PDB file of N, CA and C in Angstrom:
ATOM      1  N   UNK A   1     131.932 125.113 202.039  1.00  0.00           N
ATOM      2  CA  UNK A   1     131.329 124.332 203.120  1.00  0.00           C
ATOM      3  C   UNK A   1     131.769 124.912 204.469  1.00  0.00           C
ATOM      4  N   UNK A   2     130.902 124.801 205.435  1.00  0.00           N
ATOM      5  CA  UNK A   2     131.223 125.264 206.783  1.00  0.00           C
ATOM      6  C   UNK A   2     132.150 124.256 207.465  1.00  0.00           C
ATOM      7  N   UNK A   3     132.770 124.696 208.554  1.00  0.00           N
ATOM      8  CA  UNK A   3     133.618 123.801 209.351  1.00  0.00           C
ATOM      9  C   UNK A   3     132.824 122.564 209.764  1.00  0.00           C
ATOM     10  N   UNK A   4     131.594 122.772 210.194  1.00  0.00           N
ATOM     11  CA  UNK A   4     130.761 121.644 210.620  1.00  0.00           C
ATOM     12  C   UNK A   4     130.521 120.669 209.466  1.00  0.00           C
ATOM     13  N   UNK A   5     130.207 121.178 208.293  1.00  0.00           N
ATOM     14  CA  UNK A   5     129.951 120.301 207.143  1.00  0.00           C
ATOM     15  C   UNK A   5     131.190 119.486 206.772  1.00  0.00           C
ATOM     16  N   UNK A   6     132.351 120.116 206.814  1.00  0.00           N
ATOM     17  CA  UNK A   6     133.594 119.423 206.476  1.00  0.00           C
ATOM     18  C   UNK A   6     133.908 118.341 207.512  1.00  0.00           C
ATOM     19  N   UNK A   7     133.898 118.722 208.780  1.00  0.00           N
ATOM     20  CA  UNK A   7     134.292 117.791 209.852  1.00  0.00           C
ATOM     21  C   UNK A   7     133.273 116.667 210.017  1.00  0.00           C
ATOM     22  N   UNK A   8     131.993 116.993 210.061  1.00  0.00           N
ATOM     23  CA  UNK A   8     130.985 115.929 210.186  1.00  0.00           C
ATOM     24  C   UNK A   8     130.964 115.049 208.942  1.00  0.00           C
ATOM     25  N   UNK A   9     131.189 115.630 207.787  1.00  0.00           N
ATOM     26  CA  UNK A   9     131.276 114.834 206.564  1.00  0.00           C
ATOM     27  C   UNK A   9     132.402 113.833 206.637  1.00  0.00           C
ATOM     28  N   UNK A  10     133.564 114.280 207.138  1.00  0.00           N
ATOM     29  CA  UNK A  10     134.712 113.388 207.326  1.00  0.00           C
ATOM     30  C   UNK A  10     134.377 112.291 208.336  1.00  0.00           C
ATOM     31  N   UNK A  11     133.900 112.709 209.496  1.00  0.00           N
ATOM     32  CA  UNK A  11     133.590 111.770 210.582  1.00  0.00           C
ATOM     33  C   UNK A  11     132.568 110.717 210.137  1.00  0.00           C
ATOM     34  N   UNK A  12     131.480 111.175 209.540  1.00  0.00           N
ATOM     35  CA  UNK A  12     130.430 110.248 209.110  1.00  0.00           C
ATOM     36  C   UNK A  12     130.932 109.306 208.020  1.00  0.00           C
ATOM     37  N   UNK A  13     131.702 109.823 207.064  1.00  0.00           N
ATOM     38  CA  UNK A  13     132.249 108.980 205.997  1.00  0.00           C
ATOM     39  C   UNK A  13     133.205 107.936 206.568  1.00  0.00           C
ATOM     40  N   UNK A  14     134.062 108.355 207.476  1.00  0.00           N
ATOM     41  CA  UNK A  14     135.026 107.417 208.066  1.00  0.00           C
ATOM     42  C   UNK A  14     134.313 106.270 208.780  1.00  0.00           C
ATOM     43  N   UNK A  15     133.315 106.590 209.576  1.00  0.00           N
ATOM     44  CA  UNK A  15     132.659 105.526 210.338  1.00  0.00           C
ATOM     45  C   UNK A  15     131.674 104.692 209.535  1.00  0.00           C
ATOM     46  N   UNK A  16     131.406 105.077 208.298  1.00  0.00           N
ATOM     47  CA  UNK A  16     130.650 104.170 207.429  1.00  0.00           C
ATOM     48  C   UNK A  16     131.591 103.457 206.451  1.00  0.00           C
ATOM     49  N   UNK A  17     132.904 103.707 206.593  1.00  0.00           N
ATOM     50  CA  UNK A  17     133.907 103.010 205.791  1.00  0.00           C
ATOM     51  C   UNK A  17     134.144 103.585 204.416  1.00  0.00           C
ATOM     52  N   UNK A  18     133.680 104.801 204.163  1.00  0.00           N
ATOM     53  CA  UNK A  18     133.836 105.448 202.862  1.00  0.00           C
ATOM     54  C   UNK A  18     135.116 106.284 202.869  1.00  0.00           C
ATOM     55  N   UNK A  19     136.241 105.620 202.611  1.00  0.00           N
ATOM     56  CA  UNK A  19     137.546 106.270 202.665  1.00  0.00           C
ATOM     57  C   UNK A  19     137.629 107.414 201.655  1.00  0.00           C
ATOM     58  N   UNK A  20     137.140 107.209 200.452  1.00  0.00           N
ATOM     59  CA  UNK A  20     137.210 108.246 199.414  1.00  0.00           C
ATOM     60  C   UNK A  20     136.493 109.524 199.854  1.00  0.00           C
ATOM     61  N   UNK A  21     135.316 109.394 200.439  1.00  0.00           N
ATOM     62  CA  UNK A  21     134.567 110.568 200.895  1.00  0.00           C
ATOM     63  C   UNK A  21     135.277 111.249 202.064  1.00  0.00           C
ATOM     64  N   UNK A  22     135.886 110.474 202.948  1.00  0.00           N
ATOM     65  CA  UNK A  22     136.630 111.053 204.072  1.00  0.00           C
ATOM     66  C   UNK A  22     137.851 111.805 203.553  1.00  0.00           C
ATOM     67  N   UNK A  23     138.600 111.187 202.661  1.00  0.00           N
ATOM     68  CA  UNK A  23     139.819 111.797 202.124  1.00  0.00           C
ATOM     69  C   UNK A  23     139.494 113.059 201.319  1.00  0.00           C
ATOM     70  N   UNK A  24     138.340 113.123 200.708  1.00  0.00           N
ATOM     71  CA  UNK A  24     137.948 114.300 199.929  1.00  0.00           C
ATOM     72  C   UNK A  24     137.865 115.557 200.796  1.00  0.00           C
ATOM     73  N   UNK A  25     137.744 115.411 202.100  1.00  0.00           N
ATOM     74  CA  UNK A  25     137.635 116.552 203.010  1.00  0.00           C
ATOM     75  C   UNK A  25     138.968 116.912 203.657  1.00  0.00           C
ATOM     76  N   UNK A  26     140.033 116.212 203.251  1.00  0.00           N
ATOM     77  CA  UNK A  26     141.364 116.387 203.832  1.00  0.00           C
ATOM     78  C   UNK A  26     142.263 117.110 202.835  1.00  0.00           C
ATOM     79  N   UNK A  27     143.106 117.984 203.344  1.00  0.00           N
ATOM     80  CA  UNK A  27     144.042 118.726 202.502  1.00  0.00           C
ATOM     81  C   UNK A  27     145.101 117.791 201.931  1.00  0.00           C
ATOM     82  N   UNK A  28     145.258 117.805 200.622  1.00  0.00           N
ATOM     83  CA  UNK A  28     146.276 116.981 199.967  1.00  0.00           C
ATOM     84  C   UNK A  28     147.655 117.635 200.073  1.00  0.00           C
ATOM     85  N   UNK A  29     147.693 118.938 200.296  1.00  0.00           N
ATOM     86  CA  UNK A  29     148.954 119.673 200.301  1.00  0.00           C
ATOM     87  C   UNK A  29     149.695 119.597 201.627  1.00  0.00           C
ATOM     88  N   UNK A  30     148.984 119.775 202.715  1.00  0.00           N
ATOM     89  CA  UNK A  30     149.632 119.738 204.028  1.00  0.00           C
ATOM     90  C   UNK A  30     148.674 119.078 205.006  1.00  0.00           C
ATOM     91  N   UNK A  31     149.041 117.894 205.438  1.00  0.00           N
ATOM     92  CA  UNK A  31     148.164 117.133 206.326  1.00  0.00           C
ATOM     93  C   UNK A  31     148.996 116.441 207.379  1.00  0.00           C
ATOM     94  N   UNK A  32     148.467 116.393 208.599  1.00  0.00           N
ATOM     95  CA  UNK A  32     149.104 115.577 209.632  1.00  0.00           C
ATOM     96  C   UNK A  32     148.025 114.958 210.511  1.00  0.00           C
ATOM     97  N   UNK A  33     148.262 113.700 210.850  1.00  0.00           N
ATOM     98  CA  UNK A  33     147.358 112.931 211.697  1.00  0.00           C
ATOM     99  C   UNK A  33     148.183 112.330 212.816  1.00  0.00           C
ATOM    100  N   UNK A  34     147.657 112.390 214.025  1.00  0.00           N
ATOM    101  CA  UNK A  34     148.349 111.792 215.171  1.00  0.00           C
ATOM    102  C   UNK A  34     147.330 111.132 216.078  1.00  0.00           C
ATOM    103  N   UNK A  35     147.611 109.886 216.433  1.00  0.00           N
ATOM    104  CA  UNK A  35     146.805 109.145 217.409  1.00  0.00           C
ATOM    105  C   UNK A  35     147.764 108.317 218.245  1.00  0.00           C
ATOM    106  N   UNK A  36     147.269 107.626 219.255  1.00  0.00           N
ATOM    107  CA  UNK A  36     148.165 106.778 220.040  1.00  0.00           C
ATOM    108  C   UNK A  36     148.847 105.670 219.216  1.00  0.00           C
ATOM    109  N   UNK A  37     148.253 105.279 218.082  1.00  0.00           N
ATOM    110  CA  UNK A  37     148.824 104.206 217.274  1.00  0.00           C
ATOM    111  C   UNK A  37     149.422 104.656 215.954  1.00  0.00           C
ATOM    112  N   UNK A  38     148.961 105.761 215.402  1.00  0.00           N
ATOM    113  CA  UNK A  38     149.348 106.150 214.046  1.00  0.00           C
ATOM    114  C   UNK A  38     149.756 107.616 213.998  1.00  0.00           C
ATOM    115  N   UNK A  39     150.848 107.871 213.293  1.00  0.00           N
ATOM    116  CA  UNK A  39     151.238 109.220 212.917  1.00  0.00           C
ATOM    117  C   UNK A  39     151.409 109.185 211.417  1.00  0.00           C
ATOM    118  N   UNK A  40     150.768 110.130 210.713  1.00  0.00           N
ATOM    119  CA  UNK A  40     150.804 110.089 209.263  1.00  0.00           C
ATOM    120  C   UNK A  40     150.711 111.481 208.665  1.00  0.00           C
ATOM    121  N   UNK A  41     151.368 111.665 207.538  1.00  0.00           N
ATOM    122  CA  UNK A  41     151.240 112.887 206.748  1.00  0.00           C
ATOM    123  C   UNK A  41     150.514 112.586 205.442  1.00  0.00           C
ATOM    124  N   UNK A  42     150.053 111.370 205.291  1.00  0.00           N
ATOM    125  CA  UNK A  42     149.378 110.910 204.070  1.00  0.00           C
ATOM    126  C   UNK A  42     147.863 111.033 204.256  1.00  0.00           C
ATOM    127  N   UNK A  43     147.191 111.836 203.424  1.00  0.00           N
ATOM    128  CA  UNK A  43     145.746 112.027 203.587  1.00  0.00           C
ATOM    129  C   UNK A  43     144.931 110.731 203.567  1.00  0.00           C
ATOM    130  N   UNK A  44     145.389 109.715 202.876  1.00  0.00           N
ATOM    131  CA  UNK A  44     144.678 108.428 202.863  1.00  0.00           C
ATOM    132  C   UNK A  44     145.334 107.417 203.793  1.00  0.00           C
ATOM    133  N   UNK A  45     146.635 107.542 204.001  1.00  0.00           N
ATOM    134  CA  UNK A  45     147.385 106.558 204.788  1.00  0.00           C
ATOM    135  C   UNK A  45     146.920 106.399 206.220  1.00  0.00           C
ATOM    136  N   UNK A  46     146.437 107.467 206.820  1.00  0.00           N
ATOM    137  CA  UNK A  46     145.994 107.366 208.217  1.00  0.00           C
ATOM    138  C   UNK A  46     144.721 106.527 208.340  1.00  0.00           C
ATOM    139  N   UNK A  47     144.077 106.228 207.219  1.00  0.00           N
ATOM    140  CA  UNK A  47     142.861 105.404 207.220  1.00  0.00           C
ATOM    141  C   UNK A  47     143.134 103.970 206.777  1.00  0.00           C
ATOM    142  N   UNK A  48     144.398 103.605 206.648  1.00  0.00           N
ATOM    143  CA  UNK A  48     144.774 102.292 206.119  1.00  0.00           C
ATOM    144  C   UNK A  48     144.175 101.126 206.908  1.00  0.00           C
ATOM    145  N   UNK A  49     144.079 101.222 208.205  1.00  0.00           N
ATOM    146  CA  UNK A  49     143.539 100.127 209.013  1.00  0.00           C
ATOM    147  C   UNK A  49     142.052 100.244 209.297  1.00  0.00           C
ATOM    148  N   UNK A  50     141.380 101.164 208.606  1.00  0.00           N
ATOM    149  CA  UNK A  50     139.978 101.438 208.907  1.00  0.00           C
ATOM    150  C   UNK A  50     139.075 100.224 208.745  1.00  0.00           C
ATOM    151  N   UNK A  51     139.244  99.473 207.694  1.00  0.00           N
ATOM    152  CA  UNK A  51     138.364  98.324 207.447  1.00  0.00           C
ATOM    153  C   UNK A  51     138.411  97.330 208.604  1.00  0.00           C
ATOM    154  N   UNK A  52     139.597  97.021 209.079  1.00  0.00           N
ATOM    155  CA  UNK A  52     139.734  96.100 210.213  1.00  0.00           C
ATOM    156  C   UNK A  52     139.121  96.660 211.477  1.00  0.00           C
ATOM    157  N   UNK A  53     139.330  97.952 211.715  1.00  0.00           N
ATOM    158  CA  UNK A  53     138.758  98.582 212.903  1.00  0.00           C
ATOM    159  C   UNK A  53     137.233  98.571 212.859  1.00  0.00           C
ATOM    160  N   UNK A  54     136.661  98.893 211.709  1.00  0.00           N
ATOM    161  CA  UNK A  54     135.204  98.946 211.605  1.00  0.00           C
ATOM    162  C   UNK A  54     134.534  97.589 211.790  1.00  0.00           C
ATOM    163  N   UNK A  55     135.286  96.521 211.585  1.00  0.00           N
ATOM    164  CA  UNK A  55     134.724  95.180 211.823  1.00  0.00           C
ATOM    165  C   UNK A  55     134.364  94.971 213.293  1.00  0.00           C
ATOM    166  N   UNK A  56     135.001  95.706 214.200  1.00  0.00           N
ATOM    167  CA  UNK A  56     134.719  95.538 215.628  1.00  0.00           C
ATOM    168  C   UNK A  56     133.866  96.670 216.208  1.00  0.00           C
ATOM    169  N   UNK A  57     133.490  97.643 215.381  1.00  0.00           N
ATOM    170  CA  UNK A  57     132.677  98.767 215.850  1.00  0.00           C
ATOM    171  C   UNK A  57     131.201  98.431 215.694  1.00  0.00           C
ATOM    172  N   UNK A  58     130.478  98.514 216.806  1.00  0.00           N
ATOM    173  CA  UNK A  58     129.031  98.268 216.790  1.00  0.00           C
ATOM    174  C   UNK A  58     128.248  99.564 216.624  1.00  0.00           C
ATOM    175  N   UNK A  59     128.758 100.656 217.203  1.00  0.00           N
ATOM    176  CA  UNK A  59     128.032 101.933 217.184  1.00  0.00           C
ATOM    177  C   UNK A  59     129.000 103.056 217.525  1.00  0.00           C
ATOM    178  N   UNK A  60     128.738 104.232 216.995  1.00  0.00           N
ATOM    179  CA  UNK A  60     129.462 105.441 217.366  1.00  0.00           C
ATOM    180  C   UNK A  60     128.429 106.425 217.893  1.00  0.00           C
ATOM    181  N   UNK A  61     128.605 106.826 219.139  1.00  0.00           N
ATOM    182  CA  UNK A  61     127.649 107.704 219.812  1.00  0.00           C
ATOM    183  C   UNK A  61     128.285 109.075 220.035  1.00  0.00           C
ATOM    184  N   UNK A  62     127.850 110.063 219.282  1.00  0.00           N
ATOM    185  CA  UNK A  62     128.383 111.410 219.393  1.00  0.00           C
ATOM    186  C   UNK A  62     127.887 112.059 220.672  1.00  0.00           C
ATOM    187  N   UNK A  63     128.824 112.590 221.459  1.00  0.00           N
ATOM    188  CA  UNK A  63     128.500 113.217 222.743  1.00  0.00           C
ATOM    189  C   UNK A  63     128.495 114.736 222.625  1.00  0.00           C
ATOM    190  N   UNK A  64     129.505 115.282 221.928  1.00  0.00           N
ATOM    191  CA  UNK A  64     129.629 116.728 221.839  1.00  0.00           C
ATOM    192  C   UNK A  64     130.309 117.129 220.538  1.00  0.00           C
ATOM    193  N   UNK A  65     129.864 118.244 219.982  1.00  0.00           N
ATOM    194  CA  UNK A  65     130.465 118.829 218.785  1.00  0.00           C
ATOM    195  C   UNK A  65     130.727 120.294 219.089  1.00  0.00           C
ATOM    196  N   UNK A  66     131.959 120.730 218.915  1.00  0.00           N
ATOM    197  CA  UNK A  66     132.327 122.126 219.119  1.00  0.00           C
ATOM    198  C   UNK A  66     132.984 122.623 217.843  1.00  0.00           C
ATOM    199  N   UNK A  67     132.469 123.721 217.291  1.00  0.00           N
ATOM    200  CA  UNK A  67     132.968 124.226 216.015  1.00  0.00           C
ATOM    201  C   UNK A  67     133.381 125.685 216.135  1.00  0.00           C
ATOM    202  N   UNK A  68     134.538 125.977 215.550  1.00  0.00           N
ATOM    203  CA  UNK A  68     135.006 127.347 215.402  1.00  0.00           C
ATOM    204  C   UNK A  68     135.164 127.626 213.912  1.00  0.00           C
ATOM    205  N   UNK A  69     135.746 128.753 213.599  1.00  0.00           N
ATOM    206  CA  UNK A  69     135.915 129.132 212.206  1.00  0.00           C
ATOM    207  C   UNK A  69     136.848 128.180 211.454  1.00  0.00           C
ATOM    208  N   UNK A  70     137.930 127.760 212.112  1.00  0.00           N
ATOM    209  CA  UNK A  70     138.891 126.890 211.436  1.00  0.00           C
ATOM    210  C   UNK A  70     139.344 125.718 212.302  1.00  0.00           C
ATOM    211  N   UNK A  71     138.522 125.349 213.266  1.00  0.00           N
ATOM    212  CA  UNK A  71     138.831 124.191 214.095  1.00  0.00           C
ATOM    213  C   UNK A  71     137.541 123.595 214.637  1.00  0.00           C
ATOM    214  N   UNK A  72     137.652 122.336 215.055  1.00  0.00           N
ATOM    215  CA  UNK A  72     136.493 121.641 215.622  1.00  0.00           C
ATOM    216  C   UNK A  72     136.982 120.553 216.555  1.00  0.00           C
ATOM    217  N   UNK A  73     136.145 120.202 217.509  1.00  0.00           N
ATOM    218  CA  UNK A  73     136.416 119.082 218.404  1.00  0.00           C
ATOM    219  C   UNK A  73     135.157 118.242 218.511  1.00  0.00           C
ATOM    220  N   UNK A  74     135.316 116.947 218.310  1.00  0.00           N
ATOM    221  CA  UNK A  74     134.231 115.991 218.501  1.00  0.00           C
ATOM    222  C   UNK A  74     134.601 115.096 219.673  1.00  0.00           C
ATOM    223  N   UNK A  75     133.633 114.811 220.509  1.00  0.00           N
ATOM    224  CA  UNK A  75     133.796 113.846 221.595  1.00  0.00           C
ATOM    225  C   UNK A  75     132.736 112.788 221.363  1.00  0.00           C
ATOM    226  N   UNK A  76     133.161 111.526 221.351  1.00  0.00           N
ATOM    227  CA  UNK A  76     132.213 110.454 221.065  1.00  0.00           C
ATOM    228  C   UNK A  76     132.662 109.146 221.699  1.00  0.00           C
ATOM    229  N   UNK A  77     131.710 108.247 221.863  1.00  0.00           N
ATOM    230  CA  UNK A  77     131.982 106.899 222.358  1.00  0.00           C
ATOM    231  C   UNK A  77     131.923 105.939 221.181  1.00  0.00           C
ATOM    232  N   UNK A  78     132.939 105.108 221.076  1.00  0.00           N
ATOM    233  CA  UNK A  78     132.958 104.045 220.080  1.00  0.00           C
ATOM    234  C   UNK A  78     132.625 102.755 220.822  1.00  0.00           C
ATOM    235  N   UNK A  79     131.460 102.204 220.532  1.00  0.00           N
ATOM    236  CA  UNK A  79     131.027 100.949 221.148  1.00  0.00           C
ATOM    237  C   UNK A  79     131.594  99.813 220.301  1.00  0.00           C
ATOM    238  N   UNK A  80     132.385  98.959 220.936  1.00  0.00           N
ATOM    239  CA  UNK A  80     133.051  97.895 220.186  1.00  0.00           C
ATOM    240  C   UNK A  80     132.651  96.518 220.687  1.00  0.00           C
ATOM    241  N   UNK A  81     132.824  95.555 219.817  1.00  0.00           N
ATOM    242  CA  UNK A  81     132.618  94.148 220.163  1.00  0.00           C
ATOM    243  C   UNK A  81     133.988  93.551 220.491  1.00  0.00           C
ATOM    244  N   UNK A  82     134.660  94.165 221.438  1.00  0.00           N
ATOM    245  CA  UNK A  82     135.992  93.726 221.871  1.00  0.00           C
ATOM    246  C   UNK A  82     136.063  93.820 223.388  1.00  0.00           C
ATOM    247  N   UNK A  83     137.122  93.297 223.993  1.00  0.00           N
ATOM    248  CA  UNK A  83     137.299  93.488 225.437  1.00  0.00           C
ATOM    249  C   UNK A  83     137.440  94.960 225.837  1.00  0.00           C
ATOM    250  N   UNK A  84     137.785  95.839 224.883  1.00  0.00           N
ATOM    251  CA  UNK A  84     137.894  97.273 225.184  1.00  0.00           C
ATOM    252  C   UNK A  84     136.527  97.881 225.485  1.00  0.00           C
ATOM    253  N   UNK A  85     135.463  97.267 224.970  1.00  0.00           N
ATOM    254  CA  UNK A  85     134.111  97.762 225.238  1.00  0.00           C
ATOM    255  C   UNK A  85     133.856  99.110 224.596  1.00  0.00           C
ATOM    256  N   UNK A  86     133.499 100.084 225.421  1.00  0.00           N
ATOM    257  CA  UNK A  86     133.205 101.432 224.934  1.00  0.00           C
ATOM    258  C   UNK A  86     134.458 102.288 225.081  1.00  0.00           C
ATOM    259  N   UNK A  87     134.872 102.886 223.976  1.00  0.00           N
ATOM    260  CA  UNK A  87     136.074 103.717 223.962  1.00  0.00           C
ATOM    261  C   UNK A  87     135.687 105.182 223.859  1.00  0.00           C
ATOM    262  N   UNK A  88     135.892 105.939 224.924  1.00  0.00           N
ATOM    263  CA  UNK A  88     135.653 107.387 224.886  1.00  0.00           C
ATOM    264  C   UNK A  88     136.767 108.006 224.056  1.00  0.00           C
ATOM    265  N   UNK A  89     136.393 108.858 223.096  1.00  0.00           N
ATOM    266  CA  UNK A  89     137.325 109.410 222.125  1.00  0.00           C
ATOM    267  C   UNK A  89     137.101 110.904 221.957  1.00  0.00           C
ATOM    268  N   UNK A  90     138.197 111.644 221.836  1.00  0.00           N
ATOM    269  CA  UNK A  90     138.133 113.067 221.481  1.00  0.00           C
ATOM    270  C   UNK A  90     138.962 113.240 220.221  1.00  0.00           C
ATOM    271  N   UNK A  91     138.471 114.074 219.336  1.00  0.00           N
ATOM    272  CA  UNK A  91     139.164 114.297 218.076  1.00  0.00           C
ATOM    273  C   UNK A  91     139.151 115.795 217.778  1.00  0.00           C
ATOM    274  N   UNK A  92     140.347 116.346 217.587  1.00  0.00           N
ATOM    275  CA  UNK A  92     140.468 117.774 217.302  1.00  0.00           C
ATOM    276  C   UNK A  92     140.934 117.954 215.863  1.00  0.00           C
ATOM    277  N   UNK A  93     140.284 118.861 215.156  1.00  0.00           N
ATOM    278  CA  UNK A  93     140.559 119.128 213.748  1.00  0.00           C
ATOM    279  C   UNK A  93     140.958 120.586 213.569  1.00  0.00           C
ATOM    280  N   UNK A  94     141.906 120.819 212.681  1.00  0.00           N
ATOM    281  CA  UNK A  94     142.222 122.169 212.211  1.00  0.00           C
ATOM    282  C   UNK A  94     141.987 122.183 210.708  1.00  0.00           C
ATOM    283  N   UNK A  95     141.415 123.276 210.223  1.00  0.00           N
ATOM    284  CA  UNK A  95     141.124 123.411 208.801  1.00  0.00           C
ATOM    285  C   UNK A  95     141.888 124.587 208.206  1.00  0.00           C
ATOM    286  N   UNK A  96     142.223 124.441 206.929  1.00  0.00           N
ATOM    287  CA  UNK A  96     142.829 125.523 206.160  1.00  0.00           C
ATOM    288  C   UNK A  96     142.216 125.478 204.767  1.00  0.00           C
ATOM    289  N   UNK A  97     141.742 126.610 204.300  1.00  0.00           N
ATOM    290  CA  UNK A  97     141.140 126.708 202.965  1.00  0.00           C
ATOM    291  C   UNK A  97     140.019 125.685 202.757  1.00  0.00           C
ATOM    292  N   UNK A  98     139.213 125.456 203.799  1.00  0.00           N
ATOM    293  CA  UNK A  98     138.055 124.584 203.692  1.00  0.00           C
ATOM    294  C   UNK A  98     138.342 123.091 203.722  1.00  0.00           C
ATOM    295  N   UNK A  99     139.588 122.720 204.048  1.00  0.00           N
ATOM    296  CA  UNK A  99     139.961 121.297 204.126  1.00  0.00           C
ATOM    297  C   UNK A  99     140.610 121.029 205.483  1.00  0.00           C
ATOM    298  N   UNK A 100     140.511 119.802 205.934  1.00  0.00           N
ATOM    299  CA  UNK A 100     141.134 119.394 207.197  1.00  0.00           C
ATOM    300  C   UNK A 100     142.632 119.260 206.961  1.00  0.00           C
ATOM    301  N   UNK A 101     143.429 119.975 207.765  1.00  0.00           N
ATOM    302  CA  UNK A 101     144.882 119.879 207.620  1.00  0.00           C
ATOM    303  C   UNK A 101     145.528 119.151 208.802  1.00  0.00           C
ATOM    304  N   UNK A 102     144.857 119.109 209.940  1.00  0.00           N
ATOM    305  CA  UNK A 102     145.411 118.432 211.116  1.00  0.00           C
ATOM    306  C   UNK A 102     144.294 117.704 211.864  1.00  0.00           C
ATOM    307  N   UNK A 103     144.580 116.472 212.239  1.00  0.00           N
ATOM    308  CA  UNK A 103     143.665 115.708 213.094  1.00  0.00           C
ATOM    309  C   UNK A 103     144.477 115.150 214.252  1.00  0.00           C
ATOM    310  N   UNK A 104     143.996 115.377 215.462  1.00  0.00           N
ATOM    311  CA  UNK A 104     144.596 114.787 216.652  1.00  0.00           C
ATOM    312  C   UNK A 104     143.513 113.935 217.311  1.00  0.00           C
ATOM    313  N   UNK A 105     143.732 112.631 217.326  1.00  0.00           N
ATOM    314  CA  UNK A 105     142.785 111.668 217.879  1.00  0.00           C
ATOM    315  C   UNK A 105     143.286 111.239 219.255  1.00  0.00           C
ATOM    316  N   UNK A 106     142.452 111.391 220.276  1.00  0.00           N
ATOM    317  CA  UNK A 106     142.864 111.135 221.654  1.00  0.00           C
ATOM    318  C   UNK A 106     141.961 110.078 222.272  1.00  0.00           C
ATOM    319  N   UNK A 107     142.580 109.014 222.777  1.00  0.00           N
ATOM    320  CA  UNK A 107     141.852 107.982 223.502  1.00  0.00           C
ATOM    321  C   UNK A 107     142.846 107.171 224.322  1.00  0.00           C
ATOM    322  N   UNK A 108     142.342 106.428 225.288  1.00  0.00           N
ATOM    323  CA  UNK A 108     143.184 105.561 226.106  1.00  0.00           C
ATOM    324  C   UNK A 108     143.520 104.320 225.292  1.00  0.00           C
ATOM    325  N   UNK A 109     144.766 104.181 224.887  1.00  0.00           N
ATOM    326  CA  UNK A 109     145.179 103.082 224.022  1.00  0.00           C
ATOM    327  C   UNK A 109     145.451 101.778 224.778  1.00  0.00           C
ATOM    328  N   UNK A 110     145.547 101.832 226.101  1.00  0.00           N
ATOM    329  CA  UNK A 110     145.915 100.637 226.872  1.00  0.00           C
ATOM    330  C   UNK A 110     145.035  99.418 226.580  1.00  0.00           C
ATOM    331  N   UNK A 111     143.706  99.538 226.539  1.00  0.00           N
ATOM    332  CA  UNK A 111     142.893  98.352 226.274  1.00  0.00           C
ATOM    333  C   UNK A 111     143.101  97.775 224.866  1.00  0.00           C
ATOM    334  N   UNK A 112     143.635  98.579 223.967  1.00  0.00           N
ATOM    335  CA  UNK A 112     143.796  98.160 222.571  1.00  0.00           C
ATOM    336  C   UNK A 112     145.146  97.499 222.296  1.00  0.00           C
ATOM    337  N   UNK A 113     146.113  97.657 223.169  1.00  0.00           N
ATOM    338  CA  UNK A 113     147.459  97.124 222.924  1.00  0.00           C
ATOM    339  C   UNK A 113     147.440  95.640 222.560  1.00  0.00           C
ATOM    340  N   UNK A 114     146.758  94.779 223.327  1.00  0.00           N
ATOM    341  CA  UNK A 114     146.783  93.351 222.990  1.00  0.00           C
ATOM    342  C   UNK A 114     146.043  93.013 221.682  1.00  0.00           C
ATOM    343  N   UNK A 115     145.142  93.880 221.240  1.00  0.00           N
ATOM    344  CA  UNK A 115     144.337  93.594 220.056  1.00  0.00           C
ATOM    345  C   UNK A 115     144.855  94.274 218.794  1.00  0.00           C
ATOM    346  N   UNK A 116     145.780  95.183 218.910  1.00  0.00           N
ATOM    347  CA  UNK A 116     146.203  96.033 217.783  1.00  0.00           C
ATOM    348  C   UNK A 116     146.626  95.208 216.564  1.00  0.00           C
ATOM    349  N   UNK A 117     147.409  94.183 216.759  1.00  0.00           N
ATOM    350  CA  UNK A 117     147.868  93.378 215.621  1.00  0.00           C
ATOM    351  C   UNK A 117     146.721  92.650 214.925  1.00  0.00           C
ATOM    352  N   UNK A 118     145.756  92.191 215.664  1.00  0.00           N
ATOM    353  CA  UNK A 118     144.627  91.449 215.091  1.00  0.00           C
ATOM    354  C   UNK A 118     143.710  92.338 214.268  1.00  0.00           C
ATOM    355  N   UNK A 119     143.603  93.597 214.650  1.00  0.00           N
ATOM    356  CA  UNK A 119     142.702  94.517 213.963  1.00  0.00           C
ATOM    357  C   UNK A 119     143.299  94.996 212.636  1.00  0.00           C
ATOM    358  N   UNK A 120     144.612  95.122 212.575  1.00  0.00           N
ATOM    359  CA  UNK A 120     145.278  95.644 211.360  1.00  0.00           C
ATOM    360  C   UNK A 120     145.138  94.728 210.236  1.00  0.00           C
TER     361      UNK A 120
END
């Protein structure tokens, strides 16, 4: 699979709540995930709060996709039914042997601080 197929497959699966399909695109051997709220080396563990988060997501609007041979960056808006409203998000991926080995999720976490416990 191409970098685009792997990364978009992960992204699309995650936002439709299909954890198994998202995890299938992640390296089981060496993985790291970092966001303002979660740091994880577990290919499935970083998606542990996904169900709660998706309950407040109304739409995901992809703004930009940039793909290289072994890395990708997605920029998108997450439209939520929360006081946070629309969350501009950037996500950088590194791939090794056709699987995602690193994800860095970047967004302004300040609007989410008061809601974090309720979403989990």
